[in-house]
Amino acid sequence: MKRKKPSETDLAYLAGLFDGEGHVGIRKTKRKTSSNKRTYQCWDIRAEISMTHQETIKSVKDILGFGSFNHRLPIKSWIGKQEQWRMRFANHDTWLLATWLYPFAKTKKLEWEKVLNHYA
C-alpha cells in the first residue's frame, strides 16, 4: 500500500515525540509454525509510542494514516499509573518511519539507523 509522506514539520514533530516517548527495537526471535511445529528464526522490528494523552496519540495516527492505535488500561502492578494510548508499527511500517524520521531524530537516531541497516 502506498503511504503519503507527511510534511517536514510533521516529520520533525513525530521524530521529537519518538525521541521522548517512543521505543524502536529490532531483535531476533524464534517462532513455531502452526502446521509442523518446527522452530525458525525471524526478525521482530517494531516502533511504538505510548502516552497518557489520547489526543497526542490520535494526532500521530492522523498524520501518518497507518499503524495500530490501541488503548491500554492500567494493571494492578501500575500503582498510581494512568491508562495509556499507543501507536505501534511493525516491520515494513517501521522501516518506512525510519526513512522518514532518521534525518530529524536525536535520541533515537542509532535505533532508526539499525532498522535502516537491517533492510539495506
PDB file of N, CA and C in Angstrom:
ATOM      1  N   MET A   1       0.835  -1.177   0.000  1.00  0.00           N
ATOM      2  CA  MET A   1       0.000   0.000   0.000  1.00  0.00           C
ATOM      3  C   MET A   1       0.884   1.246   0.000  1.00  0.00           C
ATOM      4  N   LYS A   2       0.568   2.208  -0.826  1.00  0.00           N
ATOM      5  CA  LYS A   2       1.317   3.456  -0.926  1.00  0.00           C
ATOM      6  C   LYS A   2       0.994   4.340   0.269  1.00  0.00           C
ATOM      7  N   ARG A   3       2.041   4.832   0.923  1.00  0.00           N
ATOM      8  CA  ARG A   3       1.877   5.718   2.065  1.00  0.00           C
ATOM      9  C   ARG A   3       2.243   7.138   1.658  1.00  0.00           C
ATOM     10  N   LYS A   4       1.477   8.114   2.113  1.00  0.00           N
ATOM     11  CA  LYS A   4       1.752   9.506   1.791  1.00  0.00           C
ATOM     12  C   LYS A   4       2.708  10.089   2.832  1.00  0.00           C
ATOM     13  N   LYS A   5       3.803  10.651   2.342  1.00  0.00           N
ATOM     14  CA  LYS A   5       4.807  11.222   3.245  1.00  0.00           C
ATOM     15  C   LYS A   5       4.279  12.517   3.856  1.00  0.00           C
ATOM     16  N   PRO A   6       4.338  12.634   5.195  1.00  0.00           N
ATOM     17  CA  PRO A   6       3.892  13.864   5.860  1.00  0.00           C
ATOM     18  C   PRO A   6       4.832  15.033   5.562  1.00  0.00           C
ATOM     19  N   SER A   7       4.411  16.220   5.940  1.00  0.00           N
ATOM     20  CA  SER A   7       5.217  17.420   5.737  1.00  0.00           C
ATOM     21  C   SER A   7       6.483  17.357   6.600  1.00  0.00           C
ATOM     22  N   GLU A   8       7.473  18.162   6.246  1.00  0.00           N
ATOM     23  CA  GLU A   8       8.721  18.230   7.014  1.00  0.00           C
ATOM     24  C   GLU A   8       8.442  18.627   8.468  1.00  0.00           C
ATOM     25  N   THR A   9       7.525  19.550   8.663  1.00  0.00           N
ATOM     26  CA  THR A   9       7.167  19.995  10.019  1.00  0.00           C
ATOM     27  C   THR A   9       6.588  18.832  10.824  1.00  0.00           C
ATOM     28  N   ASP A  10       5.675  18.078  10.210  1.00  0.00           N
ATOM     29  CA  ASP A  10       5.084  16.919  10.891  1.00  0.00           C
ATOM     30  C   ASP A  10       6.137  15.853  11.184  1.00  0.00           C
ATOM     31  N   LEU A  11       7.060  15.631  10.262  1.00  0.00           N
ATOM     32  CA  LEU A  11       8.110  14.632  10.482  1.00  0.00           C
ATOM     33  C   LEU A  11       9.018  15.040  11.640  1.00  0.00           C
ATOM     34  N   ALA A  12       9.361  16.321  11.704  1.00  0.00           N
ATOM     35  CA  ALA A  12      10.185  16.804  12.815  1.00  0.00           C
ATOM     36  C   ALA A  12       9.442  16.641  14.145  1.00  0.00           C
ATOM     37  N   TYR A  13       8.144  16.925  14.146  1.00  0.00           N
ATOM     38  CA  TYR A  13       7.303  16.754  15.339  1.00  0.00           C
ATOM     39  C   TYR A  13       7.280  15.288  15.771  1.00  0.00           C
ATOM     40  N   LEU A  14       7.048  14.385  14.815  1.00  0.00           N
ATOM     41  CA  LEU A  14       6.998  12.953  15.124  1.00  0.00           C
ATOM     42  C   LEU A  14       8.346  12.438  15.624  1.00  0.00           C
ATOM     43  N   ALA A  15       9.429  12.900  15.025  1.00  0.00           N
ATOM     44  CA  ALA A  15      10.762  12.482  15.475  1.00  0.00           C
ATOM     45  C   ALA A  15      10.983  12.905  16.922  1.00  0.00           C
ATOM     46  N   GLY A  16      10.543  14.110  17.266  1.00  0.00           N
ATOM     47  CA  GLY A  16      10.658  14.575  18.650  1.00  0.00           C
ATOM     48  C   GLY A  16       9.824  13.749  19.604  1.00  0.00           C
ATOM     49  N   LEU A  17       8.608  13.387  19.194  1.00  0.00           N
ATOM     50  CA  LEU A  17       7.765  12.524  20.038  1.00  0.00           C
ATOM     51  C   LEU A  17       8.422  11.169  20.259  1.00  0.00           C
ATOM     52  N   PHE A  18       8.943  10.573  19.189  1.00  0.00           N
ATOM     53  CA  PHE A  18       9.610   9.277  19.327  1.00  0.00           C
ATOM     54  C   PHE A  18      10.866   9.396  20.175  1.00  0.00           C
ATOM     55  N   ASP A  19      11.619  10.478  20.026  1.00  0.00           N
ATOM     56  CA  ASP A  19      12.817  10.672  20.854  1.00  0.00           C
ATOM     57  C   ASP A  19      12.457  10.703  22.337  1.00  0.00           C
ATOM     58  N   GLY A  20      11.339  11.344  22.674  1.00  0.00           N
ATOM     59  CA  GLY A  20      10.974  11.486  24.083  1.00  0.00           C
ATOM     60  C   GLY A  20      10.112  10.383  24.649  1.00  0.00           C
ATOM     61  N   GLU A  21       9.184   9.870  23.861  1.00  0.00           N
ATOM     62  CA  GLU A  21       8.178   8.939  24.388  1.00  0.00           C
ATOM     63  C   GLU A  21       8.146   7.596  23.673  1.00  0.00           C
ATOM     64  N   GLY A  22       8.995   7.406  22.685  1.00  0.00           N
ATOM     65  CA  GLY A  22       8.890   6.215  21.851  1.00  0.00           C
ATOM     66  C   GLY A  22       9.919   5.152  22.134  1.00  0.00           C
ATOM     67  N   HIS A  23       9.730   4.037  21.464  1.00  0.00           N
ATOM     68  CA  HIS A  23      10.652   2.900  21.524  1.00  0.00           C
ATOM     69  C   HIS A  23      10.813   2.364  20.102  1.00  0.00           C
ATOM     70  N   VAL A  24      12.045   2.110  19.723  1.00  0.00           N
ATOM     71  CA  VAL A  24      12.342   1.488  18.435  1.00  0.00           C
ATOM     72  C   VAL A  24      13.201   0.271  18.738  1.00  0.00           C
ATOM     73  N   GLY A  25      12.782  -0.896  18.280  1.00  0.00           N
ATOM     74  CA  GLY A  25      13.520  -2.105  18.609  1.00  0.00           C
ATOM     75  C   GLY A  25      13.647  -3.064  17.445  1.00  0.00           C
ATOM     76  N   ILE A  26      14.763  -3.772  17.442  1.00  0.00           N
ATOM     77  CA  ILE A  26      14.997  -4.809  16.444  1.00  0.00           C
ATOM     78  C   ILE A  26      15.642  -5.984  17.169  1.00  0.00           C
ATOM     79  N   ARG A  27      15.033  -7.168  17.030  1.00  0.00           N
ATOM     80  CA  ARG A  27      15.574  -8.347  17.705  1.00  0.00           C
ATOM     81  C   ARG A  27      15.242  -9.610  16.927  1.00  0.00           C
ATOM     82  N   LYS A  28      16.076 -10.605  17.127  1.00  0.00           N
ATOM     83  CA  LYS A  28      15.857 -11.900  16.501  1.00  0.00           C
ATOM     84  C   LYS A  28      15.057 -12.756  17.472  1.00  0.00           C
ATOM     85  N   THR A  29      14.006 -13.401  16.985  1.00  0.00           N
ATOM     86  CA  THR A  29      13.174 -14.250  17.826  1.00  0.00           C
ATOM     87  C   THR A  29      13.019 -15.631  17.193  1.00  0.00           C
ATOM     88  N   LYS A  30      12.493 -16.553  17.969  1.00  0.00           N
ATOM     89  CA  LYS A  30      12.181 -17.890  17.461  1.00  0.00           C
ATOM     90  C   LYS A  30      10.671 -18.064  17.471  1.00  0.00           C
ATOM     91  N   ARG A  31      10.160 -18.628  16.393  1.00  0.00           N
ATOM     92  CA  ARG A  31       8.732 -18.889  16.280  1.00  0.00           C
ATOM     93  C   ARG A  31       8.514 -20.303  15.789  1.00  0.00           C
ATOM     94  N   LYS A  32       7.335 -20.829  16.095  1.00  0.00           N
ATOM     95  CA  LYS A  32       6.969 -22.165  15.619  1.00  0.00           C
ATOM     96  C   LYS A  32       5.904 -22.036  14.549  1.00  0.00           C
ATOM     97  N   THR A  33       6.031 -22.868  13.532  1.00  0.00           N
ATOM     98  CA  THR A  33       4.996 -22.899  12.500  1.00  0.00           C
ATOM     99  C   THR A  33       3.779 -23.616  13.054  1.00  0.00           C
ATOM    100  N   SER A  34       2.616 -23.238  12.589  1.00  0.00           N
ATOM    101  CA  SER A  34       1.397 -23.870  13.094  1.00  0.00           C
ATOM    102  C   SER A  34       1.194 -25.259  12.498  1.00  0.00           C
ATOM    103  N   SER A  35       1.731 -25.487  11.287  1.00  0.00           N
ATOM    104  CA  SER A  35       1.471 -26.763  10.623  1.00  0.00           C
ATOM    105  C   SER A  35       2.353 -27.905  11.128  1.00  0.00           C
ATOM    106  N   ASN A  36       3.672 -27.697  11.185  1.00  0.00           N
ATOM    107  CA  ASN A  36       4.521 -28.825  11.582  1.00  0.00           C
ATOM    108  C   ASN A  36       5.310 -28.573  12.870  1.00  0.00           C
ATOM    109  N   LYS A  37       5.027 -27.475  13.549  1.00  0.00           N
ATOM    110  CA  LYS A  37       5.620 -27.162  14.860  1.00  0.00           C
ATOM    111  C   LYS A  37       7.137 -27.008  14.834  1.00  0.00           C
ATOM    112  N   ARG A  38       7.698 -26.775  13.660  1.00  0.00           N
ATOM    113  CA  ARG A  38       9.142 -26.546  13.572  1.00  0.00           C
ATOM    114  C   ARG A  38       9.461 -25.120  14.017  1.00  0.00           C
ATOM    115  N   THR A  39      10.619 -24.963  14.640  1.00  0.00           N
ATOM    116  CA  THR A  39      11.055 -23.653  15.096  1.00  0.00           C
ATOM    117  C   THR A  39      11.929 -23.002  14.029  1.00  0.00           C
ATOM    118  N   TYR A  40      11.726 -21.739  13.818  1.00  0.00           N
ATOM    119  CA  TYR A  40      12.561 -20.987  12.888  1.00  0.00           C
ATOM    120  C   TYR A  40      12.841 -19.603  13.465  1.00  0.00           C
ATOM    121  N   GLN A  41      13.919 -18.982  12.999  1.00  0.00           N
ATOM    122  CA  GLN A  41      14.285 -17.660  13.480  1.00  0.00           C
ATOM    123  C   GLN A  41      13.723 -16.593  12.556  1.00  0.00           C
ATOM    124  N   CYS A  42      13.288 -15.497  13.153  1.00  0.00           N
ATOM    125  CA  CYS A  42      12.800 -14.372  12.379  1.00  0.00           C
ATOM    126  C   CYS A  42      13.145 -13.071  13.109  1.00  0.00           C
ATOM    127  N   TRP A  43      13.013 -11.959  12.418  1.00  0.00           N
ATOM    128  CA  TRP A  43      13.296 -10.655  12.992  1.00  0.00           C
ATOM    129  C   TRP A  43      12.005  -9.980  13.404  1.00  0.00           C
ATOM    130  N   ASP A  44      12.036  -9.361  14.570  1.00  0.00           N
ATOM    131  CA  ASP A  44      10.912  -8.598  15.095  1.00  0.00           C
ATOM    132  C   ASP A  44      11.358  -7.132  15.110  1.00  0.00           C
ATOM    133  N   ILE A  45      10.805  -6.332  14.224  1.00  0.00           N
ATOM    134  CA  ILE A  45      11.213  -4.937  14.070  1.00  0.00           C
ATOM    135  C   ILE A  45       9.998  -4.073  14.376  1.00  0.00           C
ATOM    136  N   ARG A  46      10.107  -3.279  15.450  1.00  0.00           N
ATOM    137  CA  ARG A  46       8.945  -2.538  15.935  1.00  0.00           C
ATOM    138  C   ARG A  46       9.297  -1.113  16.343  1.00  0.00           C
ATOM    139  N   ALA A  47       8.293  -0.272  16.252  1.00  0.00           N
ATOM    140  CA  ALA A  47       8.363   1.072  16.802  1.00  0.00           C
ATOM    141  C   ALA A  47       7.042   1.312  17.531  1.00  0.00           C
ATOM    142  N   GLU A  48       7.118   1.975  18.669  1.00  0.00           N
ATOM    143  CA  GLU A  48       5.924   2.212  19.476  1.00  0.00           C
ATOM    144  C   GLU A  48       6.061   3.544  20.191  1.00  0.00           C
ATOM    145  N   ILE A  49       4.948   4.214  20.322  1.00  0.00           N
ATOM    146  CA  ILE A  49       4.899   5.429  21.122  1.00  0.00           C
ATOM    147  C   ILE A  49       3.700   5.313  22.046  1.00  0.00           C
ATOM    148  N   SER A  50       3.920   5.547  23.341  1.00  0.00           N
ATOM    149  CA  SER A  50       2.875   5.414  24.357  1.00  0.00           C
ATOM    150  C   SER A  50       2.787   6.693  25.179  1.00  0.00           C
ATOM    151  N   MET A  51       1.564   7.107  25.452  1.00  0.00           N
ATOM    152  CA  MET A  51       1.334   8.295  26.271  1.00  0.00           C
ATOM    153  C   MET A  51      -0.008   8.174  26.983  1.00  0.00           C
ATOM    154  N   THR A  52      -0.176   8.982  28.009  1.00  0.00           N
ATOM    155  CA  THR A  52      -1.463   9.037  28.692  1.00  0.00           C
ATOM    156  C   THR A  52      -2.385  10.079  28.062  1.00  0.00           C
ATOM    157  N   HIS A  53      -1.870  10.882  27.134  1.00  0.00           N
ATOM    158  CA  HIS A  53      -2.668  11.912  26.474  1.00  0.00           C
ATOM    159  C   HIS A  53      -3.191  11.385  25.136  1.00  0.00           C
ATOM    160  N   GLN A  54      -4.465  11.044  25.118  1.00  0.00           N
ATOM    161  CA  GLN A  54      -5.083  10.411  23.957  1.00  0.00           C
ATOM    162  C   GLN A  54      -5.000  11.278  22.701  1.00  0.00           C
ATOM    163  N   GLU A  55      -5.220  12.565  22.815  1.00  0.00           N
ATOM    164  CA  GLU A  55      -5.243  13.431  21.636  1.00  0.00           C
ATOM    165  C   GLU A  55      -3.900  13.471  20.917  1.00  0.00           C
ATOM    166  N   THR A  56      -2.801  13.396  21.665  1.00  0.00           N
ATOM    167  CA  THR A  56      -1.482  13.402  21.040  1.00  0.00           C
ATOM    168  C   THR A  56      -1.286  12.150  20.202  1.00  0.00           C
ATOM    169  N   ILE A  57      -1.679  11.001  20.744  1.00  0.00           N
ATOM    170  CA  ILE A  57      -1.535   9.739  20.005  1.00  0.00           C
ATOM    171  C   ILE A  57      -2.478   9.714  18.799  1.00  0.00           C
ATOM    172  N   LYS A  58      -3.673  10.264  18.962  1.00  0.00           N
ATOM    173  CA  LYS A  58      -4.589  10.350  17.814  1.00  0.00           C
ATOM    174  C   LYS A  58      -4.007  11.225  16.719  1.00  0.00           C
ATOM    175  N   SER A  59      -3.288  12.277  17.104  1.00  0.00           N
ATOM    176  CA  SER A  59      -2.680  13.137  16.087  1.00  0.00           C
ATOM    177  C   SER A  59      -1.600  12.383  15.311  1.00  0.00           C
ATOM    178  N   VAL A  60      -0.873  11.478  15.979  1.00  0.00           N
ATOM    179  CA  VAL A  60       0.116  10.642  15.291  1.00  0.00           C
ATOM    180  C   VAL A  60      -0.591   9.777  14.258  1.00  0.00           C
ATOM    181  N   LYS A  61      -1.700   9.170  14.640  1.00  0.00           N
ATOM    182  CA  LYS A  61      -2.490   8.340  13.724  1.00  0.00           C
ATOM    183  C   LYS A  61      -2.993   9.168  12.544  1.00  0.00           C
ATOM    184  N   ASP A  62      -3.463  10.389  12.821  1.00  0.00           N
ATOM    185  CA  ASP A  62      -3.979  11.251  11.750  1.00  0.00           C
ATOM    186  C   ASP A  62      -2.871  11.684  10.795  1.00  0.00           C
ATOM    187  N   ILE A  63      -1.704  12.005  11.332  1.00  0.00           N
ATOM    188  CA  ILE A  63      -0.594  12.456  10.484  1.00  0.00           C
ATOM    189  C   ILE A  63      -0.112  11.332   9.576  1.00  0.00           C
ATOM    190  N   LEU A  64       0.055  10.129  10.152  1.00  0.00           N
ATOM    191  CA  LEU A  64       0.627   9.019   9.382  1.00  0.00           C
ATOM    192  C   LEU A  64      -0.407   8.250   8.568  1.00  0.00           C
ATOM    193  N   GLY A  65      -1.572   8.006   9.144  1.00  0.00           N
ATOM    194  CA  GLY A  65      -2.610   7.253   8.439  1.00  0.00           C
ATOM    195  C   GLY A  65      -2.392   5.754   8.439  1.00  0.00           C
ATOM    196  N   PHE A  66      -1.413   5.265   9.197  1.00  0.00           N
ATOM    197  CA  PHE A  66      -1.192   3.819   9.310  1.00  0.00           C
ATOM    198  C   PHE A  66      -0.628   3.529  10.693  1.00  0.00           C
ATOM    199  N   GLY A  67      -0.583   2.244  11.024  1.00  0.00           N
ATOM    200  CA  GLY A  67      -0.145   1.815  12.347  1.00  0.00           C
ATOM    201  C   GLY A  67      -1.326   1.313  13.155  1.00  0.00           C
ATOM    202  N   SER A  68      -1.020   0.724  14.286  1.00  0.00           N
ATOM    203  CA  SER A  68      -2.046   0.161  15.157  1.00  0.00           C
ATOM    204  C   SER A  68      -2.257   1.093  16.346  1.00  0.00           C
ATOM    205  N   PHE A  69      -3.469   1.598  16.477  1.00  0.00           N
ATOM    206  CA  PHE A  69      -3.841   2.511  17.565  1.00  0.00           C
ATOM    207  C   PHE A  69      -4.608   1.708  18.601  1.00  0.00           C
ATOM    208  N   ASN A  70      -4.135   1.718  19.849  1.00  0.00           N
ATOM    209  CA  ASN A  70      -4.898   1.000  20.873  1.00  0.00           C
ATOM    210  C   ASN A  70      -4.792   1.664  22.237  1.00  0.00           C
ATOM    211  N   HIS A  71      -5.612   1.174  23.123  1.00  0.00           N
ATOM    212  CA  HIS A  71      -5.793   1.713  24.470  1.00  0.00           C
ATOM    213  C   HIS A  71      -5.414   0.625  25.467  1.00  0.00           C
ATOM    214  N   ARG A  72      -4.661   0.987  26.479  1.00  0.00           N
ATOM    215  CA  ARG A  72      -4.257   0.003  27.471  1.00  0.00           C
ATOM    216  C   ARG A  72      -4.637   0.500  28.857  1.00  0.00           C
ATOM    217  N   LEU A  73      -5.464  -0.290  29.535  1.00  0.00           N
ATOM    218  CA  LEU A  73      -5.860   0.048  30.902  1.00  0.00           C
ATOM    219  C   LEU A  73      -4.745  -0.326  31.866  1.00  0.00           C
ATOM    220  N   PRO A  74      -4.635   0.408  32.978  1.00  0.00           N
ATOM    221  CA  PRO A  74      -3.592   0.069  33.952  1.00  0.00           C
ATOM    222  C   PRO A  74      -3.849  -1.292  34.593  1.00  0.00           C
ATOM    223  N   ILE A  75      -2.772  -1.988  34.927  1.00  0.00           N
ATOM    224  CA  ILE A  75      -2.882  -3.255  35.643  1.00  0.00           C
ATOM    225  C   ILE A  75      -2.508  -3.014  37.105  1.00  0.00           C
ATOM    226  N   LYS A  76      -2.743  -3.981  37.956  1.00  0.00           N
ATOM    227  CA  LYS A  76      -2.536  -3.795  39.393  1.00  0.00           C
ATOM    228  C   LYS A  76      -1.122  -3.365  39.759  1.00  0.00           C
ATOM    229  N   SER A  77      -0.122  -3.847  39.022  1.00  0.00           N
ATOM    230  CA  SER A  77       1.259  -3.501  39.352  1.00  0.00           C
ATOM    231  C   SER A  77       1.608  -2.059  38.983  1.00  0.00           C
ATOM    232  N   TRP A  78       0.739  -1.378  38.243  1.00  0.00           N
ATOM    233  CA  TRP A  78       0.971   0.017  37.875  1.00  0.00           C
ATOM    234  C   TRP A  78       0.398   0.934  38.943  1.00  0.00           C
ATOM    235  N   ILE A  79       0.818   0.816  40.147  1.00  0.00           N
ATOM    236  CA  ILE A  79       0.268   1.604  41.254  1.00  0.00           C
ATOM    237  C   ILE A  79       0.400   3.089  40.943  1.00  0.00           C
ATOM    238  N   GLY A  80      -0.727   3.792  40.977  1.00  0.00           N
ATOM    239  CA  GLY A  80      -0.744   5.220  40.711  1.00  0.00           C
ATOM    240  C   GLY A  80      -0.606   5.593  39.253  1.00  0.00           C
ATOM    241  N   LYS A  81      -0.650   4.628  38.354  1.00  0.00           N
ATOM    242  CA  LYS A  81      -0.475   4.907  36.921  1.00  0.00           C
ATOM    243  C   LYS A  81      -1.824   5.106  36.235  1.00  0.00           C
ATOM    244  N   GLN A  82      -1.786   5.754  35.089  1.00  0.00           N
ATOM    245  CA  GLN A  82      -2.985   6.032  34.310  1.00  0.00           C
ATOM    246  C   GLN A  82      -3.062   5.124  33.090  1.00  0.00           C
ATOM    247  N   GLU A  83      -4.222   5.147  32.450  1.00  0.00           N
ATOM    248  CA  GLU A  83      -4.375   4.395  31.206  1.00  0.00           C
ATOM    249  C   GLU A  83      -3.460   4.982  30.143  1.00  0.00           C
ATOM    250  N   GLN A  84      -3.079   4.147  29.179  1.00  0.00           N
ATOM    251  CA  GLN A  84      -2.168   4.555  28.113  1.00  0.00           C
ATOM    252  C   GLN A  84      -2.842   4.438  26.757  1.00  0.00           C
ATOM    253  N   TRP A  85      -2.394   5.295  25.854  1.00  0.00           N
ATOM    254  CA  TRP A  85      -2.786   5.235  24.451  1.00  0.00           C
ATOM    255  C   TRP A  85      -1.523   4.959  23.660  1.00  0.00           C
ATOM    256  N   ARG A  86      -1.603   4.038  22.696  1.00  0.00           N
ATOM    257  CA  ARG A  86      -0.396   3.616  21.976  1.00  0.00           C
ATOM    258  C   ARG A  86      -0.606   3.566  20.476  1.00  0.00           C
ATOM    259  N   MET A  87       0.489   3.870  19.790  1.00  0.00           N
ATOM    260  CA  MET A  87       0.586   3.627  18.353  1.00  0.00           C
ATOM    261  C   MET A  87       1.735   2.662  18.176  1.00  0.00           C
ATOM    262  N   ARG A  88       1.485   1.602  17.426  1.00  0.00           N
ATOM    263  CA  ARG A  88       2.510   0.593  17.179  1.00  0.00           C
ATOM    264  C   ARG A  88       2.685   0.389  15.685  1.00  0.00           C
ATOM    265  N   PHE A  89       3.946   0.131  15.337  1.00  0.00           N
ATOM    266  CA  PHE A  89       4.307  -0.091  13.939  1.00  0.00           C
ATOM    267  C   PHE A  89       5.204  -1.318  13.882  1.00  0.00           C
ATOM    268  N   ALA A  90       5.027  -2.137  12.857  1.00  0.00           N
ATOM    269  CA  ALA A  90       5.823  -3.359  12.749  1.00  0.00           C
ATOM    270  C   ALA A  90       6.454  -3.476  11.370  1.00  0.00           C
ATOM    271  N   ASN A  91       7.638  -4.070  11.365  1.00  0.00           N
ATOM    272  CA  ASN A  91       8.370  -4.462  10.171  1.00  0.00           C
ATOM    273  C   ASN A  91       8.445  -3.388   9.090  1.00  0.00           C
ATOM    274  N   HIS A  92       7.757  -3.537   7.970  1.00  0.00           N
ATOM    275  CA  HIS A  92       7.900  -2.587   6.868  1.00  0.00           C
ATOM    276  C   HIS A  92       7.461  -1.180   7.267  1.00  0.00           C
ATOM    277  N   ASP A  93       6.410  -1.068   8.063  1.00  0.00           N
ATOM    278  CA  ASP A  93       5.978   0.255   8.525  1.00  0.00           C
ATOM    279  C   ASP A  93       7.057   0.909   9.388  1.00  0.00           C
ATOM    280  N   THR A  94       7.764   0.115  10.178  1.00  0.00           N
ATOM    281  CA  THR A  94       8.862   0.646  10.989  1.00  0.00           C
ATOM    282  C   THR A  94       9.992   1.121  10.087  1.00  0.00           C
ATOM    283  N   TRP A  95      10.277   0.356   9.037  1.00  0.00           N
ATOM    284  CA  TRP A  95      11.306   0.788   8.083  1.00  0.00           C
ATOM    285  C   TRP A  95      10.924   2.113   7.424  1.00  0.00           C
ATOM    286  N   LEU A  96       9.658   2.247   7.032  1.00  0.00           N
ATOM    287  CA  LEU A  96       9.204   3.483   6.407  1.00  0.00           C
ATOM    288  C   LEU A  96       9.351   4.656   7.367  1.00  0.00           C
ATOM    289  N   LEU A  97       8.960   4.456   8.620  1.00  0.00           N
ATOM    290  CA  LEU A  97       9.152   5.505   9.622  1.00  0.00           C
ATOM    291  C   LEU A  97      10.630   5.857   9.773  1.00  0.00           C
ATOM    292  N   ALA A  98      11.478   4.847   9.752  1.00  0.00           N
ATOM    293  CA  ALA A  98      12.919   5.096   9.882  1.00  0.00           C
ATOM    294  C   ALA A  98      13.425   5.966   8.742  1.00  0.00           C
ATOM    295  N   THR A  99      12.974   5.696   7.508  1.00  0.00           N
ATOM    296  CA  THR A  99      13.428   6.506   6.373  1.00  0.00           C
ATOM    297  C   THR A  99      12.962   7.951   6.503  1.00  0.00           C
ATOM    298  N   TRP A 100      11.786   8.149   7.079  1.00  0.00           N
ATOM    299  CA  TRP A 100      11.244   9.497   7.221  1.00  0.00           C
ATOM    300  C   TRP A 100      11.803  10.237   8.437  1.00  0.00           C
ATOM    301  N   LEU A 101      11.958   9.543   9.567  1.00  0.00           N
ATOM    302  CA  LEU A 101      12.298  10.221  10.825  1.00  0.00           C
ATOM    303  C   LEU A 101      13.793  10.290  11.120  1.00  0.00           C
ATOM    304  N   TYR A 102      14.586   9.420  10.509  1.00  0.00           N
ATOM    305  CA  TYR A 102      16.028   9.394  10.778  1.00  0.00           C
ATOM    306  C   TYR A 102      16.694  10.772  10.648  1.00  0.00           C
ATOM    307  N   PRO A 103      16.410  11.545   9.587  1.00  0.00           N
ATOM    308  CA  PRO A 103      17.087  12.838   9.459  1.00  0.00           C
ATOM    309  C   PRO A 103      16.783  13.827  10.587  1.00  0.00           C
ATOM    310  N   PHE A 104      15.641  13.649  11.275  1.00  0.00           N
ATOM    311  CA  PHE A 104      15.226  14.580  12.326  1.00  0.00           C
ATOM    312  C   PHE A 104      15.528  14.064  13.737  1.00  0.00           C
ATOM    313  N   ALA A 105      15.836  12.786  13.867  1.00  0.00           N
ATOM    314  CA  ALA A 105      15.996  12.149  15.180  1.00  0.00           C
ATOM    315  C   ALA A 105      17.262  12.633  15.883  1.00  0.00           C
ATOM    316  N   LYS A 106      17.195  12.652  17.193  1.00  0.00           N
ATOM    317  CA  LYS A 106      18.353  12.968  18.032  1.00  0.00           C
ATOM    318  C   LYS A 106      18.638  11.768  18.939  1.00  0.00           C
ATOM    319  N   THR A 107      17.748  11.517  19.887  1.00  0.00           N
ATOM    320  CA  THR A 107      17.928  10.448  20.872  1.00  0.00           C
ATOM    321  C   THR A 107      17.824   9.058  20.249  1.00  0.00           C
ATOM    322  N   LYS A 108      16.919   8.867  19.324  1.00  0.00           N
ATOM    323  CA  LYS A 108      16.660   7.550  18.719  1.00  0.00           C
ATOM    324  C   LYS A 108      17.378   7.367  17.382  1.00  0.00           C
ATOM    325  N   LYS A 109      18.320   8.224  17.051  1.00  0.00           N
ATOM    326  CA  LYS A 109      18.994   8.160  15.748  1.00  0.00           C
ATOM    327  C   LYS A 109      19.668   6.799  15.522  1.00  0.00           C
ATOM    328  N   LEU A 110      20.362   6.284  16.521  1.00  0.00           N
ATOM    329  CA  LEU A 110      21.043   4.992  16.405  1.00  0.00           C
ATOM    330  C   LEU A 110      20.048   3.861  16.171  1.00  0.00           C
ATOM    331  N   GLU A 111      18.917   3.873  16.878  1.00  0.00           N
ATOM    332  CA  GLU A 111      17.905   2.828  16.713  1.00  0.00           C
ATOM    333  C   GLU A 111      17.303   2.859  15.305  1.00  0.00           C
ATOM    334  N   TRP A 112      16.984   4.069  14.807  1.00  0.00           N
ATOM    335  CA  TRP A 112      16.454   4.179  13.443  1.00  0.00           C
ATOM    336  C   TRP A 112      17.494   3.697  12.436  1.00  0.00           C
ATOM    337  N   GLU A 113      18.769   3.997  12.690  1.00  0.00           N
ATOM    338  CA  GLU A 113      19.843   3.565  11.792  1.00  0.00           C
ATOM    339  C   GLU A 113      19.942   2.034  11.742  1.00  0.00           C
ATOM    340  N   LYS A 114      19.754   1.376  12.876  1.00  0.00           N
ATOM    341  CA  LYS A 114      19.781  -0.097  12.909  1.00  0.00           C
ATOM    342  C   LYS A 114      18.656  -0.675  12.039  1.00  0.00           C
ATOM    343  N   VAL A 115      17.479  -0.047  12.088  1.00  0.00           N
ATOM    344  CA  VAL A 115      16.366  -0.511  11.252  1.00  0.00           C
ATOM    345  C   VAL A 115      16.720  -0.326   9.778  1.00  0.00           C
ATOM    346  N   LEU A 116      17.255   0.839   9.426  1.00  0.00           N
ATOM    347  CA  LEU A 116      17.626   1.100   8.030  1.00  0.00           C
ATOM    348  C   LEU A 116      18.688   0.130   7.552  1.00  0.00           C
ATOM    349  N   ASN A 117      19.685  -0.161   8.395  1.00  0.00           N
ATOM    350  CA  ASN A 117      20.746  -1.093   8.028  1.00  0.00           C
ATOM    351  C   ASN A 117      20.209  -2.516   7.858  1.00  0.00           C
ATOM    352  N   HIS A 118      19.229  -2.892   8.650  1.00  0.00           N
ATOM    353  CA  HIS A 118      18.644  -4.231   8.524  1.00  0.00           C
ATOM    354  C   HIS A 118      18.020  -4.431   7.140  1.00  0.00           C
ATOM    355  N   TYR A 119      17.371  -3.394   6.632  1.00  0.00           N
ATOM    356  CA  TYR A 119      16.687  -3.501   5.328  1.00  0.00           C
ATOM    357  C   TYR A 119      17.582  -3.138   4.154  1.00  0.00           C
ATOM    358  N   ALA A 120      18.825  -2.705   4.424  1.00  0.00           N
ATOM    359  CA  ALA A 120      19.722  -2.292   3.333  1.00  0.00           C
ATOM    360  C   ALA A 120      20.193  -3.477   2.507  1.00  0.00           C
TER     361      ALA A 120
END
